[in-house]
Amino acid sequence: MQLEENQGTDTPKPEEPVIQPVNDGRTEGLDRQAAVPGKQEKPGGFKKMPVSKFQKIVNTITLILVCLVIGALAVLLGLYLPKLTAFNKAEAELARLAQVESDYTELQAKNSKTEQQYGIYKTISDTNLLETALIALDSTKISQQLRYVEEDLNTLKITEFPEIMQRLQSQFAKVKTSAIGNPKSALTELGKFNTDLLQLAGNLQ
């Protein structure tokens, strides 16, 4: 009887409700970090500030200005370099022409001096023939050589030594005056004339 009473009174007790912790989101990240083994928490740093509209405008303007400067330099170089090359070529050509002109002037001066020396030596040669005619007392040859020497003397155009040229003209006039009537005196004057010619030739060397 007692056993039956115990069995009759053995009724199951009602289960107590289990209270679950409320997750408001603040501890969820910490739980996840704790759940990953070996993961270290990153130290906190400065947050990257967003670029303002003004700064974007400034950057854009700066980029445009840099592009404009580069374009201007490219245009200037494109226009300036060909002109510089042409100028250098023209300058080199002018230098070459100046050198050619200088060489021509130098050659012309040498040619002029050569012609003068030729005229002097031709006059000396005709003077020697006149001397031979005076010694031989050949009036025909004397007249002929007097004419040749006079032509040679008139052909000489030497402005560097005007005093010698005047002396030659004066001396030859004496030779011409005494050549027919006094050949001996003419020979003396002709010697002086020949000396002046040799002096002139030496001055031109």
Protein backbone atom coordinates (compact mmCIF):
# COMPACT_ATOMS: atom_id res chain seq x y z
CA MET A 1 0.00 0.00 0.00
CA GLN A 2 2.77 2.30 0.78
CA LEU A 3 4.39 1.58 -2.56
CA GLU A 4 1.24 2.46 -4.38
CA GLU A 5 1.05 5.73 -2.52
CA ASN A 6 4.54 6.58 -3.48
CA GLN A 7 3.82 5.79 -7.09
CA GLY A 8 0.67 7.83 -7.00
CA THR A 9 2.37 10.86 -5.62
CA ASP A 10 5.42 10.68 -7.95
CA THR A 11 4.33 13.30 -10.46
CA PRO A 12 6.85 15.02 -12.80
CA LYS A 13 7.98 18.49 -11.84
CA PRO A 14 7.55 21.28 -14.45
CA GLU A 15 10.78 22.34 -16.24
CA GLU A 16 12.23 25.70 -15.31
CA PRO A 17 12.67 28.11 -18.27
CA VAL A 18 16.30 28.75 -19.37
CA ILE A 19 17.13 32.46 -19.66
CA GLN A 20 19.27 33.16 -22.77
CA PRO A 21 21.63 36.12 -22.67
CA VAL A 22 20.58 39.02 -24.91
CA ASN A 23 23.14 39.93 -27.59
CA ASP A 24 22.85 43.63 -28.39
CA GLY A 25 25.64 43.52 -31.01
CA ARG A 26 28.35 45.06 -28.86
CA THR A 27 29.83 41.75 -27.79
CA GLU A 28 29.32 39.88 -31.02
CA GLY A 29 32.57 41.05 -32.54
CA LEU A 30 34.48 40.23 -29.39
CA ASP A 31 32.98 36.74 -29.32
CA ARG A 32 34.01 36.15 -32.91
CA GLN A 33 37.53 37.35 -32.28
CA ALA A 34 37.79 35.15 -29.24
CA ALA A 35 36.51 32.19 -31.21
CA VAL A 36 39.40 32.47 -33.77
CA PRO A 37 42.49 31.02 -32.20
CA GLY A 38 45.87 32.75 -32.84
CA LYS A 39 44.34 35.98 -34.26
CA GLN A 40 45.71 39.14 -32.71
CA GLU A 41 43.74 42.28 -32.35
CA LYS A 42 44.89 45.12 -34.63
CA PRO A 43 45.92 48.33 -32.90
CA GLY A 44 43.68 51.26 -33.50
CA GLY A 45 44.97 54.04 -35.99
CA PHE A 46 43.94 57.33 -37.56
CA LYS A 47 41.00 57.10 -39.86
CA LYS A 48 41.57 58.21 -43.50
CA MET A 49 39.91 61.54 -43.98
CA PRO A 50 37.79 61.79 -47.11
CA VAL A 51 39.03 64.17 -49.87
CA SER A 52 36.94 67.31 -49.99
CA LYS A 53 35.42 68.72 -53.16
CA PHE A 54 37.65 71.79 -52.96
CA GLN A 55 40.75 69.63 -52.82
CA LYS A 56 39.54 67.68 -55.85
CA ILE A 57 39.04 70.94 -57.76
CA VAL A 58 42.54 72.15 -56.81
CA ASN A 59 44.07 68.86 -57.94
CA THR A 60 42.19 69.02 -61.23
CA ILE A 61 43.28 72.60 -61.90
CA THR A 62 46.88 71.74 -61.06
CA LEU A 63 46.81 68.80 -63.47
CA ILE A 64 45.33 70.98 -66.22
CA LEU A 65 48.02 73.64 -65.68
CA VAL A 66 50.80 71.04 -65.81
CA CYS A 67 49.37 69.66 -69.06
CA LEU A 68 49.16 73.17 -70.52
CA VAL A 69 52.78 73.93 -69.59
CA ILE A 70 53.98 70.66 -71.11
CA GLY A 71 51.98 71.33 -74.28
CA ALA A 72 53.34 74.87 -74.53
CA LEU A 73 56.90 73.61 -74.14
CA ALA A 74 56.31 70.99 -76.83
CA VAL A 75 54.96 73.63 -79.21
CA LEU A 76 57.83 76.02 -78.49
CA LEU A 77 60.41 73.30 -79.01
CA GLY A 78 58.70 72.24 -82.22
CA LEU A 79 58.84 75.79 -83.55
CA TYR A 80 62.17 76.85 -82.09
CA LEU A 81 64.37 73.86 -82.89
CA PRO A 82 63.89 73.97 -86.69
CA LYS A 83 64.56 77.72 -86.68
CA LEU A 84 67.64 77.20 -84.54
CA THR A 85 68.90 74.53 -86.93
CA ALA A 86 68.29 76.80 -89.92
CA PHE A 87 70.02 79.68 -88.14
CA ASN A 88 73.06 77.54 -87.37
CA LYS A 89 73.25 76.43 -91.00
CA ALA A 90 72.99 80.03 -92.21
CA GLU A 91 75.65 81.14 -89.75
CA ALA A 92 77.97 78.36 -90.90
CA GLU A 93 77.35 79.32 -94.54
CA LEU A 94 78.11 82.97 -93.78
CA ALA A 95 81.34 81.95 -92.06
CA ARG A 96 82.28 79.85 -95.09
CA LEU A 97 81.52 82.70 -97.48
CA ALA A 98 83.51 85.11 -95.32
CA GLN A 99 86.46 82.73 -95.47
CA VAL A 100 86.09 82.44 -99.25
CA GLU A 101 85.99 86.22 -99.56
CA SER A 102 89.06 86.53 -97.35
CA ASP A 103 90.92 83.95 -99.43
CA TYR A 104 89.88 85.70 -102.63
CA THR A 105 91.05 89.06 -101.31
CA GLU A 106 94.36 87.55 -100.26
CA LEU A 107 94.82 85.90 -103.65
CA GLN A 108 93.88 89.12 -105.38
CA ALA A 109 96.50 91.02 -103.36
CA LYS A 110 99.11 88.37 -104.17
CA ASN A 111 98.13 88.51 -107.83
CA SER A 112 98.43 92.29 -107.83
CA LYS A 113 101.86 92.09 -106.23
CA THR A 114 102.90 89.43 -108.74
CA GLU A 115 101.82 91.67 -111.62
CA GLN A 116 103.78 94.58 -110.14
CA GLN A 117 106.89 92.47 -109.74
CA TYR A 118 106.51 91.21 -113.29
CA GLY A 119 106.27 94.79 -114.56
CA ILE A 120 109.40 95.79 -112.64
CA TYR A 121 111.48 92.86 -113.92
CA LYS A 122 110.28 93.50 -117.48
CA THR A 123 111.38 97.12 -117.13
CA ILE A 124 114.77 95.98 -115.81
CA SER A 125 115.12 93.61 -118.80
CA ASP A 126 114.33 96.41 -121.29
CA THR A 127 116.73 98.70 -119.40
CA ASN A 128 119.54 96.15 -119.84
CA LEU A 129 118.80 96.00 -123.60
CA LEU A 130 118.89 99.83 -123.71
CA GLU A 131 122.27 99.74 -121.98
CA THR A 132 123.57 97.30 -124.61
CA ALA A 133 122.30 99.59 -127.41
CA LEU A 134 123.99 102.65 -125.80
CA ILE A 135 127.28 100.80 -125.51
CA ALA A 136 127.00 99.73 -129.16
CA LEU A 137 125.97 103.27 -130.17
CA ASP A 138 123.09 101.77 -132.19
CA SER A 139 120.72 104.69 -132.59
CA THR A 140 117.90 102.53 -133.98
CA LYS A 141 117.98 100.13 -131.06
CA ILE A 142 118.44 103.02 -128.65
CA SER A 143 115.23 104.69 -129.88
CA GLN A 144 113.39 101.37 -129.83
CA GLN A 145 114.46 100.45 -126.28
CA LEU A 146 113.76 103.98 -125.02
CA ARG A 147 110.18 103.53 -126.23
CA TYR A 148 109.88 100.09 -124.55
CA VAL A 149 111.24 101.32 -121.22
CA GLU A 150 108.90 104.32 -121.28
CA GLU A 151 105.90 102.05 -121.92
CA ASP A 152 106.99 99.75 -119.09
CA LEU A 153 107.36 102.70 -116.73
CA ASN A 154 103.91 104.03 -117.57
CA THR A 155 102.43 100.58 -117.03
CA LEU A 156 103.78 100.34 -113.49
CA LYS A 157 100.99 101.25 -111.04
CA ILE A 158 102.64 101.04 -107.64
CA THR A 159 100.97 103.40 -105.19
CA GLU A 160 102.75 102.02 -102.10
CA PHE A 161 106.02 103.81 -102.98
CA PRO A 162 105.13 107.07 -104.76
CA GLU A 163 108.51 108.73 -104.07
CA ILE A 164 110.38 105.93 -105.88
CA MET A 165 108.01 106.15 -108.83
CA GLN A 166 108.57 109.92 -109.07
CA ARG A 167 112.31 109.43 -108.92
CA LEU A 168 112.15 106.81 -111.68
CA GLN A 169 110.18 109.17 -113.93
CA SER A 170 112.68 111.98 -113.34
CA GLN A 171 115.68 109.73 -113.86
CA PHE A 172 114.33 108.26 -117.08
CA ALA A 173 113.74 111.78 -118.45
CA LYS A 174 117.49 112.43 -118.02
CA VAL A 175 118.34 109.15 -119.80
CA LYS A 176 116.04 109.98 -122.68
CA THR A 177 117.47 113.53 -123.06
CA SER A 178 121.13 112.41 -123.27
CA ALA A 179 120.69 109.04 -125.02
CA ILE A 180 121.20 110.27 -128.57
CA GLY A 181 123.58 113.20 -128.07
CA ASN A 182 125.61 111.90 -125.11
CA PRO A 183 125.43 108.09 -124.77
CA LYS A 184 128.11 108.05 -122.05
CA SER A 185 126.09 110.38 -119.80
CA ALA A 186 122.98 108.38 -120.67
CA LEU A 187 124.72 105.22 -119.42
CA THR A 188 125.48 106.92 -116.08
CA GLU A 189 121.86 108.08 -115.64
CA LEU A 190 120.62 104.68 -116.78
CA GLY A 191 122.66 103.03 -114.01
CA LYS A 192 120.94 105.19 -111.40
CA PHE A 193 117.58 104.38 -112.99
CA ASN A 194 118.32 100.65 -112.81
CA THR A 195 119.32 100.96 -109.12
CA ASP A 196 115.95 102.56 -108.28
CA LEU A 197 114.17 99.74 -110.11
CA LEU A 198 116.02 97.12 -108.07
CA GLN A 199 115.15 99.00 -104.86
CA LEU A 200 111.47 99.05 -105.84
CA ALA A 201 111.54 95.33 -106.59
CA GLY A 202 113.11 94.66 -103.19
CA ASN A 203 110.43 96.69 -101.40
CA LEU A 204 107.66 94.61 -102.99
CA GLN A 205 109.04 91.29 -101.74
